[in-house]
N, C-alpha and C. Protein backbone atom coordinates (compact mmCIF):
# COMPACT_ATOMS: atom_id res chain seq x y z
N MET A 1 -10.70 -42.74 6.58
CA MET A 1 -11.34 -41.73 5.90
C MET A 1 -11.57 -40.48 6.90
N PRO A 2 -10.52 -39.95 7.50
CA PRO A 2 -10.69 -38.83 8.47
C PRO A 2 -11.23 -37.61 7.80
N GLY A 3 -11.15 -37.34 6.54
CA GLY A 3 -11.73 -36.25 5.80
C GLY A 3 -13.15 -36.21 5.87
N VAL A 4 -13.72 -37.52 5.71
CA VAL A 4 -15.04 -37.67 5.55
C VAL A 4 -15.73 -37.39 7.09
N LEU A 5 -15.08 -38.06 7.94
CA LEU A 5 -15.57 -37.89 9.32
C LEU A 5 -15.53 -36.43 9.74
N ARG A 6 -14.39 -35.75 9.31
CA ARG A 6 -14.37 -34.27 9.62
C ARG A 6 -15.47 -33.51 9.14
N ALA A 7 -15.78 -33.73 7.84
CA ALA A 7 -16.78 -32.89 7.15
C ALA A 7 -18.25 -33.21 7.87
N GLN A 8 -18.35 -34.46 8.18
CA GLN A 8 -19.70 -34.82 8.74
C GLN A 8 -19.91 -34.17 10.15
N ALA A 9 -18.64 -34.08 10.84
CA ALA A 9 -18.63 -33.53 12.37
C ALA A 9 -18.66 -31.95 12.30
N ALA A 10 -18.38 -31.35 11.18
CA ALA A 10 -18.43 -29.91 11.25
C ALA A 10 -19.65 -29.31 11.64
N THR A 11 -19.58 -28.32 12.52
CA THR A 11 -20.90 -27.80 12.92
C THR A 11 -20.92 -26.45 12.52
N THR A 12 -19.99 -25.83 11.98
CA THR A 12 -20.02 -24.48 11.41
C THR A 12 -19.23 -24.45 10.08
N ALA A 13 -19.73 -23.33 9.36
CA ALA A 13 -18.96 -23.13 8.08
C ALA A 13 -18.40 -21.66 8.30
N ILE A 14 -17.14 -21.42 7.87
CA ILE A 14 -16.56 -20.10 7.88
C ILE A 14 -16.26 -19.57 6.56
N PHE A 15 -16.86 -18.49 6.22
CA PHE A 15 -16.87 -17.83 4.94
C PHE A 15 -15.84 -16.59 5.17
N GLU A 16 -14.74 -16.48 4.52
CA GLU A 16 -13.79 -15.43 4.50
C GLU A 16 -14.12 -14.47 3.45
N LEU A 17 -14.51 -13.32 3.89
CA LEU A 17 -15.06 -12.12 2.96
C LEU A 17 -13.98 -11.12 3.05
N LYS A 18 -13.97 -10.16 2.14
CA LYS A 18 -13.02 -9.04 2.07
C LYS A 18 -13.01 -8.19 3.46
N ASP A 19 -14.08 -8.14 4.11
CA ASP A 19 -14.06 -7.37 5.34
C ASP A 19 -13.97 -8.31 6.69
N GLY A 20 -13.76 -9.59 6.41
CA GLY A 20 -13.58 -10.48 7.63
C GLY A 20 -14.24 -11.72 7.54
N PRO A 21 -13.96 -12.66 8.55
CA PRO A 21 -14.68 -13.92 8.61
C PRO A 21 -16.22 -13.92 9.01
N VAL A 22 -16.89 -14.73 8.36
CA VAL A 22 -18.32 -14.92 8.75
C VAL A 22 -18.63 -16.35 9.30
N THR A 23 -18.89 -16.61 10.51
CA THR A 23 -19.15 -17.96 11.01
C THR A 23 -20.57 -18.24 11.01
N ILE A 24 -20.91 -19.36 10.32
CA ILE A 24 -22.38 -19.90 10.24
C ILE A 24 -22.61 -21.13 11.00
N GLN A 25 -23.50 -21.19 11.87
CA GLN A 25 -23.80 -22.50 12.48
C GLN A 25 -24.62 -23.17 11.54
N LEU A 26 -24.25 -24.39 11.16
CA LEU A 26 -24.91 -25.32 10.32
C LEU A 26 -26.10 -25.88 11.06
N LEU A 27 -27.34 -26.09 10.44
CA LEU A 27 -28.54 -26.62 11.07
C LEU A 27 -29.02 -27.87 10.49
N PRO A 28 -28.31 -28.89 10.81
CA PRO A 28 -28.67 -30.20 10.18
C PRO A 28 -29.99 -30.83 10.61
N ASP A 29 -30.30 -30.32 11.91
CA ASP A 29 -31.75 -30.73 12.35
C ASP A 29 -32.81 -30.19 11.47
N LEU A 30 -32.67 -29.06 10.77
CA LEU A 30 -33.69 -28.52 9.93
C LEU A 30 -33.54 -29.12 8.42
N ALA A 31 -32.32 -29.28 7.93
CA ALA A 31 -32.02 -29.44 6.62
C ALA A 31 -30.92 -30.34 6.39
N PRO A 32 -30.90 -31.71 6.92
CA PRO A 32 -29.83 -32.63 6.80
C PRO A 32 -29.13 -32.63 5.37
N ARG A 33 -30.03 -32.81 4.43
CA ARG A 33 -29.47 -33.05 3.06
C ARG A 33 -28.68 -31.78 2.51
N HIS A 34 -29.43 -30.60 2.73
CA HIS A 34 -28.70 -29.42 2.40
C HIS A 34 -27.38 -29.15 3.05
N VAL A 35 -27.47 -29.33 4.40
CA VAL A 35 -26.27 -29.06 5.17
C VAL A 35 -25.06 -30.14 4.63
N GLU A 36 -25.57 -31.23 4.40
CA GLU A 36 -24.42 -32.19 3.73
C GLU A 36 -23.90 -31.68 2.47
N ARG A 37 -24.76 -31.17 1.71
CA ARG A 37 -24.39 -30.58 0.32
C ARG A 37 -23.47 -29.39 0.63
N ILE A 38 -23.73 -28.42 1.60
CA ILE A 38 -22.81 -27.37 1.81
C ILE A 38 -21.45 -28.10 2.29
N ARG A 39 -21.43 -28.91 3.14
CA ARG A 39 -20.24 -29.52 3.65
C ARG A 39 -19.49 -30.07 2.59
N THR A 40 -20.26 -30.90 1.76
CA THR A 40 -19.28 -31.43 0.51
C THR A 40 -18.85 -30.38 -0.32
N LEU A 41 -19.49 -29.30 -0.82
CA LEU A 41 -19.01 -28.38 -1.64
C LEU A 41 -17.91 -27.43 -1.01
N ILE A 42 -17.95 -27.28 0.40
CA ILE A 42 -16.82 -26.58 0.93
C ILE A 42 -15.71 -27.51 1.09
N GLY A 43 -15.77 -28.75 1.26
CA GLY A 43 -14.67 -29.70 1.36
C GLY A 43 -14.07 -29.84 -0.15
N GLN A 44 -14.72 -29.55 -1.18
CA GLN A 44 -14.25 -29.63 -2.52
C GLN A 44 -13.59 -28.33 -2.88
N GLY A 45 -13.65 -27.21 -2.04
CA GLY A 45 -13.18 -25.96 -2.58
C GLY A 45 -14.12 -25.25 -3.50
N PHE A 46 -15.22 -25.83 -3.82
CA PHE A 46 -16.24 -25.26 -4.69
C PHE A 46 -16.56 -23.68 -4.58
N TYR A 47 -16.74 -23.25 -3.43
CA TYR A 47 -17.22 -21.92 -3.03
C TYR A 47 -16.00 -20.92 -3.04
N ASP A 48 -14.63 -21.46 -3.06
CA ASP A 48 -13.59 -20.56 -3.00
C ASP A 48 -13.61 -19.52 -4.25
N ASN A 49 -13.50 -18.37 -4.07
CA ASN A 49 -13.46 -17.28 -4.98
C ASN A 49 -14.76 -17.09 -5.94
N THR A 50 -15.95 -17.59 -5.40
CA THR A 50 -17.11 -17.45 -6.12
C THR A 50 -17.72 -16.10 -5.73
N PRO A 51 -18.41 -15.43 -6.70
CA PRO A 51 -18.95 -13.93 -6.49
C PRO A 51 -20.15 -13.91 -5.80
N PHE A 52 -20.48 -12.93 -5.09
CA PHE A 52 -21.86 -12.73 -4.65
C PHE A 52 -22.56 -11.96 -5.83
N HIS A 53 -23.30 -12.72 -6.55
CA HIS A 53 -23.70 -12.02 -7.82
C HIS A 53 -25.09 -11.34 -7.76
N ARG A 54 -25.78 -11.53 -6.82
CA ARG A 54 -27.08 -10.88 -6.58
C ARG A 54 -27.23 -10.36 -5.25
N VAL A 55 -27.33 -9.09 -4.94
CA VAL A 55 -27.33 -8.60 -3.73
C VAL A 55 -28.28 -7.38 -3.56
N ILE A 56 -29.25 -7.61 -2.72
CA ILE A 56 -30.31 -6.60 -2.88
C ILE A 56 -30.40 -5.96 -1.46
N GLN A 57 -30.23 -4.54 -1.27
CA GLN A 57 -30.13 -3.82 -0.06
C GLN A 57 -31.55 -4.13 0.70
N GLY A 58 -31.34 -4.37 2.00
CA GLY A 58 -32.57 -4.64 2.87
C GLY A 58 -33.12 -6.15 2.59
N PHE A 59 -32.65 -6.97 1.87
CA PHE A 59 -33.07 -8.22 1.58
C PHE A 59 -32.01 -9.34 1.86
N MET A 60 -31.13 -9.62 0.87
CA MET A 60 -30.14 -10.64 0.96
C MET A 60 -29.04 -10.55 0.04
N ALA A 61 -27.93 -11.13 0.24
CA ALA A 61 -26.81 -11.36 -0.49
C ALA A 61 -26.78 -12.90 -1.06
N GLN A 62 -26.79 -13.07 -2.38
CA GLN A 62 -26.81 -14.44 -2.89
C GLN A 62 -25.31 -14.77 -3.53
N GLY A 63 -24.93 -15.88 -3.32
CA GLY A 63 -23.74 -16.48 -3.95
C GLY A 63 -23.71 -17.91 -4.35
N GLY A 64 -22.55 -18.44 -4.45
CA GLY A 64 -22.63 -19.94 -4.77
C GLY A 64 -22.69 -20.47 -6.18
N ASP A 65 -22.58 -19.33 -7.17
CA ASP A 65 -22.69 -19.66 -8.48
C ASP A 65 -21.28 -19.27 -9.08
N PRO A 66 -20.48 -20.26 -9.54
CA PRO A 66 -19.03 -19.81 -9.91
C PRO A 66 -19.11 -19.01 -11.26
N THR A 67 -20.24 -19.06 -12.04
CA THR A 67 -20.50 -18.28 -13.27
C THR A 67 -20.71 -16.85 -12.99
N GLY A 68 -21.32 -16.61 -11.81
CA GLY A 68 -21.72 -15.04 -11.58
C GLY A 68 -22.97 -14.67 -12.26
N THR A 69 -23.44 -15.56 -12.89
CA THR A 69 -24.80 -15.16 -13.72
C THR A 69 -26.13 -15.58 -13.00
N GLY A 70 -26.07 -16.43 -11.91
CA GLY A 70 -27.38 -16.81 -11.29
C GLY A 70 -27.83 -18.03 -11.89
N THR A 71 -27.20 -18.56 -12.95
CA THR A 71 -27.73 -19.81 -13.49
C THR A 71 -26.77 -21.01 -13.40
N GLY A 72 -25.66 -20.80 -12.75
CA GLY A 72 -24.67 -21.92 -12.63
C GLY A 72 -24.96 -22.72 -11.35
N GLY A 73 -24.15 -23.81 -11.32
CA GLY A 73 -24.24 -24.57 -10.05
C GLY A 73 -23.17 -25.66 -10.00
N SER A 74 -23.22 -26.51 -8.98
CA SER A 74 -22.25 -27.63 -9.03
C SER A 74 -22.57 -28.80 -10.03
N ARG A 75 -21.82 -29.75 -10.11
CA ARG A 75 -22.18 -30.83 -11.07
C ARG A 75 -22.94 -31.94 -10.29
N LEU A 76 -23.20 -31.66 -8.92
CA LEU A 76 -23.93 -32.61 -8.16
C LEU A 76 -25.46 -32.49 -8.53
N PRO A 77 -26.28 -33.61 -8.33
CA PRO A 77 -27.73 -33.43 -8.60
C PRO A 77 -28.32 -32.46 -7.73
N ASP A 78 -29.38 -31.83 -7.99
CA ASP A 78 -30.15 -30.92 -7.28
C ASP A 78 -30.50 -31.75 -6.00
N VAL A 79 -31.04 -30.90 -4.87
CA VAL A 79 -31.42 -31.51 -3.53
C VAL A 79 -32.83 -31.05 -3.36
N ALA A 80 -33.63 -32.02 -3.01
CA ALA A 80 -35.10 -31.87 -2.77
C ALA A 80 -35.29 -30.94 -1.59
N ALA A 81 -36.42 -30.09 -1.58
CA ALA A 81 -36.67 -29.24 -0.54
C ALA A 81 -36.67 -29.83 0.75
N GLU A 82 -36.34 -28.97 1.72
CA GLU A 82 -36.42 -29.44 3.24
C GLU A 82 -37.03 -28.14 3.78
N PHE A 83 -38.18 -27.79 3.50
CA PHE A 83 -39.06 -26.52 4.02
C PHE A 83 -39.33 -26.99 5.49
N VAL A 84 -39.41 -26.10 6.29
CA VAL A 84 -39.85 -26.40 7.79
C VAL A 84 -40.91 -25.13 7.97
N PRO A 85 -41.92 -25.38 8.77
CA PRO A 85 -42.90 -24.26 9.21
C PRO A 85 -42.18 -23.16 9.90
N ALA A 86 -42.83 -21.98 9.88
CA ALA A 86 -42.17 -20.79 10.52
C ALA A 86 -42.20 -21.03 12.13
N SER A 87 -43.11 -21.96 12.50
CA SER A 87 -42.85 -22.27 14.06
C SER A 87 -41.50 -22.83 14.25
N ARG A 88 -40.82 -23.60 13.37
CA ARG A 88 -39.49 -24.00 13.61
C ARG A 88 -38.33 -23.15 13.22
N ALA A 89 -38.47 -22.44 12.20
CA ALA A 89 -37.39 -21.52 11.83
C ALA A 89 -37.91 -20.48 10.95
N ARG A 90 -37.35 -19.31 11.01
CA ARG A 90 -37.96 -18.19 10.08
C ARG A 90 -36.69 -17.61 9.38
N PHE A 91 -37.01 -16.82 8.40
CA PHE A 91 -36.06 -16.20 7.69
C PHE A 91 -35.80 -14.71 8.24
N LEU A 92 -34.90 -14.66 9.11
CA LEU A 92 -34.59 -13.49 9.90
C LEU A 92 -33.23 -12.77 9.46
N ARG A 93 -32.62 -11.89 10.04
CA ARG A 93 -31.45 -11.30 9.77
C ARG A 93 -30.33 -12.45 10.12
N GLY A 94 -29.48 -12.82 9.09
CA GLY A 94 -28.45 -13.75 9.33
C GLY A 94 -28.91 -15.11 8.99
N THR A 95 -30.09 -15.36 8.71
CA THR A 95 -30.42 -16.71 8.24
C THR A 95 -29.85 -17.00 6.91
N CYS A 96 -29.35 -18.10 6.69
CA CYS A 96 -28.80 -18.69 5.43
C CYS A 96 -29.91 -19.80 4.83
N GLY A 97 -30.16 -19.53 3.64
CA GLY A 97 -31.13 -20.33 2.81
C GLY A 97 -30.56 -20.68 1.41
N MET A 98 -31.15 -21.65 0.84
CA MET A 98 -30.66 -22.28 -0.36
C MET A 98 -31.57 -21.59 -1.43
N ALA A 99 -30.90 -20.99 -2.40
CA ALA A 99 -31.57 -20.43 -3.56
C ALA A 99 -32.16 -21.55 -4.48
N ARG A 100 -33.16 -21.32 -5.24
CA ARG A 100 -33.73 -22.25 -6.17
C ARG A 100 -34.40 -21.62 -7.36
N THR A 101 -34.82 -22.34 -8.30
CA THR A 101 -35.78 -21.95 -9.36
C THR A 101 -37.14 -22.02 -8.86
N GLN A 102 -38.15 -21.75 -9.69
CA GLN A 102 -39.55 -22.04 -9.43
C GLN A 102 -39.84 -23.29 -8.97
N ASN A 103 -39.02 -24.33 -9.29
CA ASN A 103 -39.08 -25.73 -8.88
C ASN A 103 -38.62 -25.76 -7.43
N PRO A 104 -39.51 -26.18 -6.41
CA PRO A 104 -39.00 -26.34 -5.06
C PRO A 104 -37.87 -27.23 -4.75
N ASN A 105 -37.65 -28.21 -5.78
CA ASN A 105 -36.66 -29.16 -5.49
C ASN A 105 -35.36 -29.01 -6.33
N SER A 106 -35.06 -27.66 -6.70
CA SER A 106 -34.01 -27.49 -7.54
C SER A 106 -32.76 -26.80 -6.89
N ALA A 107 -32.77 -26.82 -5.64
CA ALA A 107 -31.49 -26.21 -5.03
C ALA A 107 -30.29 -27.13 -5.30
N ASN A 108 -29.18 -26.39 -5.53
CA ASN A 108 -27.86 -27.05 -5.74
C ASN A 108 -26.77 -26.58 -5.10
N SER A 109 -26.13 -25.40 -5.41
CA SER A 109 -25.11 -24.84 -4.65
C SER A 109 -25.29 -23.38 -4.24
N GLN A 110 -26.25 -22.63 -4.83
CA GLN A 110 -26.47 -21.27 -4.57
C GLN A 110 -27.12 -21.04 -3.37
N PHE A 111 -26.70 -20.12 -2.59
CA PHE A 111 -27.23 -19.85 -1.25
C PHE A 111 -27.58 -18.36 -1.07
N PHE A 112 -28.10 -17.99 0.01
CA PHE A 112 -28.29 -16.56 0.27
C PHE A 112 -28.11 -16.27 1.72
N ILE A 113 -27.85 -15.16 2.17
CA ILE A 113 -27.70 -14.75 3.58
C ILE A 113 -28.51 -13.39 3.62
N MET A 114 -29.49 -13.50 4.64
CA MET A 114 -30.47 -12.31 4.87
C MET A 114 -29.80 -11.22 5.57
N PHE A 115 -30.31 -9.97 5.13
CA PHE A 115 -30.00 -8.73 5.58
C PHE A 115 -30.89 -8.31 6.68
N ALA A 116 -32.23 -8.87 6.41
CA ALA A 116 -33.38 -8.54 7.21
C ALA A 116 -34.38 -9.57 7.35
N PRO A 117 -35.37 -9.61 7.98
CA PRO A 117 -36.40 -10.60 7.94
C PRO A 117 -37.21 -10.51 6.67
N ALA A 118 -37.63 -11.75 6.32
CA ALA A 118 -38.54 -11.86 5.06
C ALA A 118 -39.43 -12.89 5.37
N PRO A 119 -40.65 -12.65 5.84
CA PRO A 119 -41.51 -13.64 6.22
C PRO A 119 -42.16 -14.35 5.03
N SER A 120 -42.06 -13.79 3.85
CA SER A 120 -42.68 -14.20 2.54
C SER A 120 -41.88 -15.50 2.28
N LEU A 121 -40.63 -15.59 2.75
CA LEU A 121 -39.89 -16.87 2.16
C LEU A 121 -40.01 -18.03 3.35
N ASP A 122 -40.60 -17.85 4.52
CA ASP A 122 -40.73 -18.87 5.48
C ASP A 122 -41.55 -19.97 4.97
N GLY A 123 -41.09 -21.14 5.05
CA GLY A 123 -41.73 -22.23 4.56
C GLY A 123 -41.67 -22.48 2.95
N GLN A 124 -40.92 -21.68 2.33
CA GLN A 124 -40.87 -21.62 0.87
C GLN A 124 -39.45 -21.94 0.34
N TYR A 125 -38.43 -21.84 1.29
CA TYR A 125 -37.13 -21.96 0.91
C TYR A 125 -36.49 -22.71 2.12
N THR A 126 -35.47 -23.49 1.71
CA THR A 126 -34.67 -24.28 2.75
C THR A 126 -33.82 -23.41 3.49
N ILE A 127 -33.89 -23.52 4.99
CA ILE A 127 -33.09 -22.80 5.69
C ILE A 127 -31.97 -23.88 6.22
N TRP A 128 -30.57 -23.65 6.03
CA TRP A 128 -29.55 -24.51 6.31
C TRP A 128 -28.51 -23.97 7.41
N GLY A 129 -28.63 -22.65 7.61
CA GLY A 129 -27.62 -22.14 8.56
C GLY A 129 -28.12 -20.75 9.21
N ARG A 130 -27.31 -20.24 10.16
CA ARG A 130 -27.42 -18.92 10.58
C ARG A 130 -26.22 -18.32 11.11
N VAL A 131 -25.98 -17.03 10.69
CA VAL A 131 -24.76 -16.36 11.02
C VAL A 131 -24.60 -16.13 12.53
N VAL A 132 -23.53 -16.50 13.15
CA VAL A 132 -23.32 -16.46 14.62
C VAL A 132 -22.33 -15.39 14.77
N SER A 133 -21.52 -15.01 13.88
CA SER A 133 -20.45 -13.97 14.01
C SER A 133 -19.94 -13.52 12.62
N GLY A 134 -19.72 -12.26 12.63
CA GLY A 134 -19.25 -11.64 11.26
C GLY A 134 -20.22 -11.03 10.34
N MET A 135 -21.52 -10.77 11.03
CA MET A 135 -22.55 -10.31 10.14
C MET A 135 -22.18 -8.86 9.60
N GLU A 136 -21.40 -8.22 10.26
CA GLU A 136 -20.85 -6.93 9.83
C GLU A 136 -20.13 -6.93 8.48
N ALA A 137 -19.37 -8.12 8.23
CA ALA A 137 -18.61 -8.35 7.01
C ALA A 137 -19.82 -8.73 5.82
N VAL A 138 -20.89 -9.33 6.24
CA VAL A 138 -21.98 -9.58 5.19
C VAL A 138 -22.69 -8.12 4.93
N ASP A 139 -22.84 -7.41 5.91
CA ASP A 139 -23.44 -5.98 5.59
C ASP A 139 -22.54 -5.22 4.60
N ARG A 140 -21.31 -5.45 4.55
CA ARG A 140 -20.41 -4.67 3.46
C ARG A 140 -20.32 -5.30 2.27
N ILE A 141 -21.05 -6.31 1.88
CA ILE A 141 -20.99 -6.87 0.55
C ILE A 141 -21.55 -5.82 -0.51
N LYS A 142 -20.68 -5.72 -1.61
CA LYS A 142 -21.29 -4.88 -2.60
C LYS A 142 -22.70 -5.01 -3.19
N ARG A 143 -23.37 -4.22 -3.09
CA ARG A 143 -24.94 -4.21 -3.62
C ARG A 143 -25.07 -4.27 -5.04
N GLY A 144 -26.12 -4.97 -5.42
CA GLY A 144 -26.52 -4.93 -6.92
C GLY A 144 -27.31 -3.79 -7.32
N VAL A 145 -27.74 -3.70 -8.65
CA VAL A 145 -28.58 -2.65 -9.07
C VAL A 145 -29.96 -3.10 -9.51
N GLY A 146 -30.85 -2.29 -9.58
CA GLY A 146 -32.22 -2.68 -10.17
C GLY A 146 -32.91 -3.63 -9.27
N SER A 147 -34.21 -4.04 -9.79
CA SER A 147 -34.97 -4.86 -9.00
C SER A 147 -34.39 -6.34 -8.80
N SER A 148 -33.55 -6.70 -9.78
CA SER A 148 -33.02 -8.01 -9.83
C SER A 148 -31.81 -8.11 -8.78
N GLY A 149 -31.15 -6.93 -8.52
CA GLY A 149 -29.99 -7.04 -7.58
C GLY A 149 -28.70 -7.53 -8.13
N MET A 150 -28.65 -7.65 -9.51
CA MET A 150 -27.46 -8.18 -10.09
C MET A 150 -26.28 -7.28 -10.02
N VAL A 151 -25.23 -7.67 -9.44
CA VAL A 151 -23.98 -6.91 -9.06
C VAL A 151 -23.13 -6.57 -10.29
N PRO A 152 -22.90 -5.53 -10.50
CA PRO A 152 -22.01 -5.07 -11.61
C PRO A 152 -20.43 -5.50 -11.40
N ALA A 153 -19.73 -5.87 -12.21
CA ALA A 153 -18.32 -6.40 -12.14
C ALA A 153 -17.60 -5.12 -11.70
N PRO A 154 -16.66 -5.33 -10.78
CA PRO A 154 -16.25 -6.52 -10.12
C PRO A 154 -17.17 -6.68 -8.78
N ALA A 155 -17.74 -8.01 -8.67
CA ALA A 155 -18.51 -8.33 -7.55
C ALA A 155 -17.65 -8.82 -6.42
N ASP A 156 -18.06 -8.54 -5.20
CA ASP A 156 -17.36 -9.11 -4.10
C ASP A 156 -17.36 -10.57 -4.05
N ARG A 157 -16.33 -11.26 -3.51
CA ARG A 157 -16.35 -12.64 -3.71
C ARG A 157 -16.31 -13.31 -2.24
N LEU A 158 -16.62 -14.60 -2.16
CA LEU A 158 -16.44 -15.42 -1.04
C LEU A 158 -14.95 -15.98 -1.32
N ILE A 159 -14.03 -15.30 -0.60
CA ILE A 159 -12.61 -15.60 -0.92
C ILE A 159 -12.25 -17.12 -0.50
N ARG A 160 -12.73 -17.63 0.60
CA ARG A 160 -12.43 -18.98 1.00
C ARG A 160 -13.57 -19.49 1.89
N ALA A 161 -14.02 -20.67 1.70
CA ALA A 161 -15.03 -21.35 2.61
C ALA A 161 -14.24 -22.59 3.22
N ARG A 162 -14.51 -22.63 4.52
CA ARG A 162 -13.96 -23.81 5.19
C ARG A 162 -14.96 -24.27 6.36
N LEU A 163 -14.68 -25.57 6.80
CA LEU A 163 -15.53 -26.06 7.79
C LEU A 163 -14.83 -25.87 9.13
N GLY A 164 -15.71 -25.66 10.15
CA GLY A 164 -15.17 -25.42 11.60
C GLY A 164 -15.80 -26.34 12.57
N ALA A 165 -15.33 -26.51 13.55
CA ALA A 165 -15.80 -27.42 14.74
C ALA A 165 -17.16 -26.79 15.21
């Protein structure tokens, strides 16, 4: 089962965006179940060609919903929260977190990448990674409108996601 070993050994995720690749360091020490979910979905090709459906200037870019509505996800069961105190990890520029509903244990496939610090999210959302290169490509993702940040069509897309060493 080399594919399984490869996914478990992956320490980075590479997201190919229209403006270039984004390398994300995976943080299994903070969120082992969420990192495993990200690895699994990348391995399945789930994220390929999915839109960044909610993008708020000065806050974050959200993707991982193939429907582009903010209500979709994978067929896998939701993942229980893996929140950590701010003393261990904070939502800073480049932090990658899992989106969820009001239910803290409802994370599935949707994720977000921070444009700027957001202390209000610390300890309230699961942190699974951090951008280590390519943040300039994240900065160029098409912004949404209004307070919801929903992106009018056509939204920018995560062209391809893959696992890296």
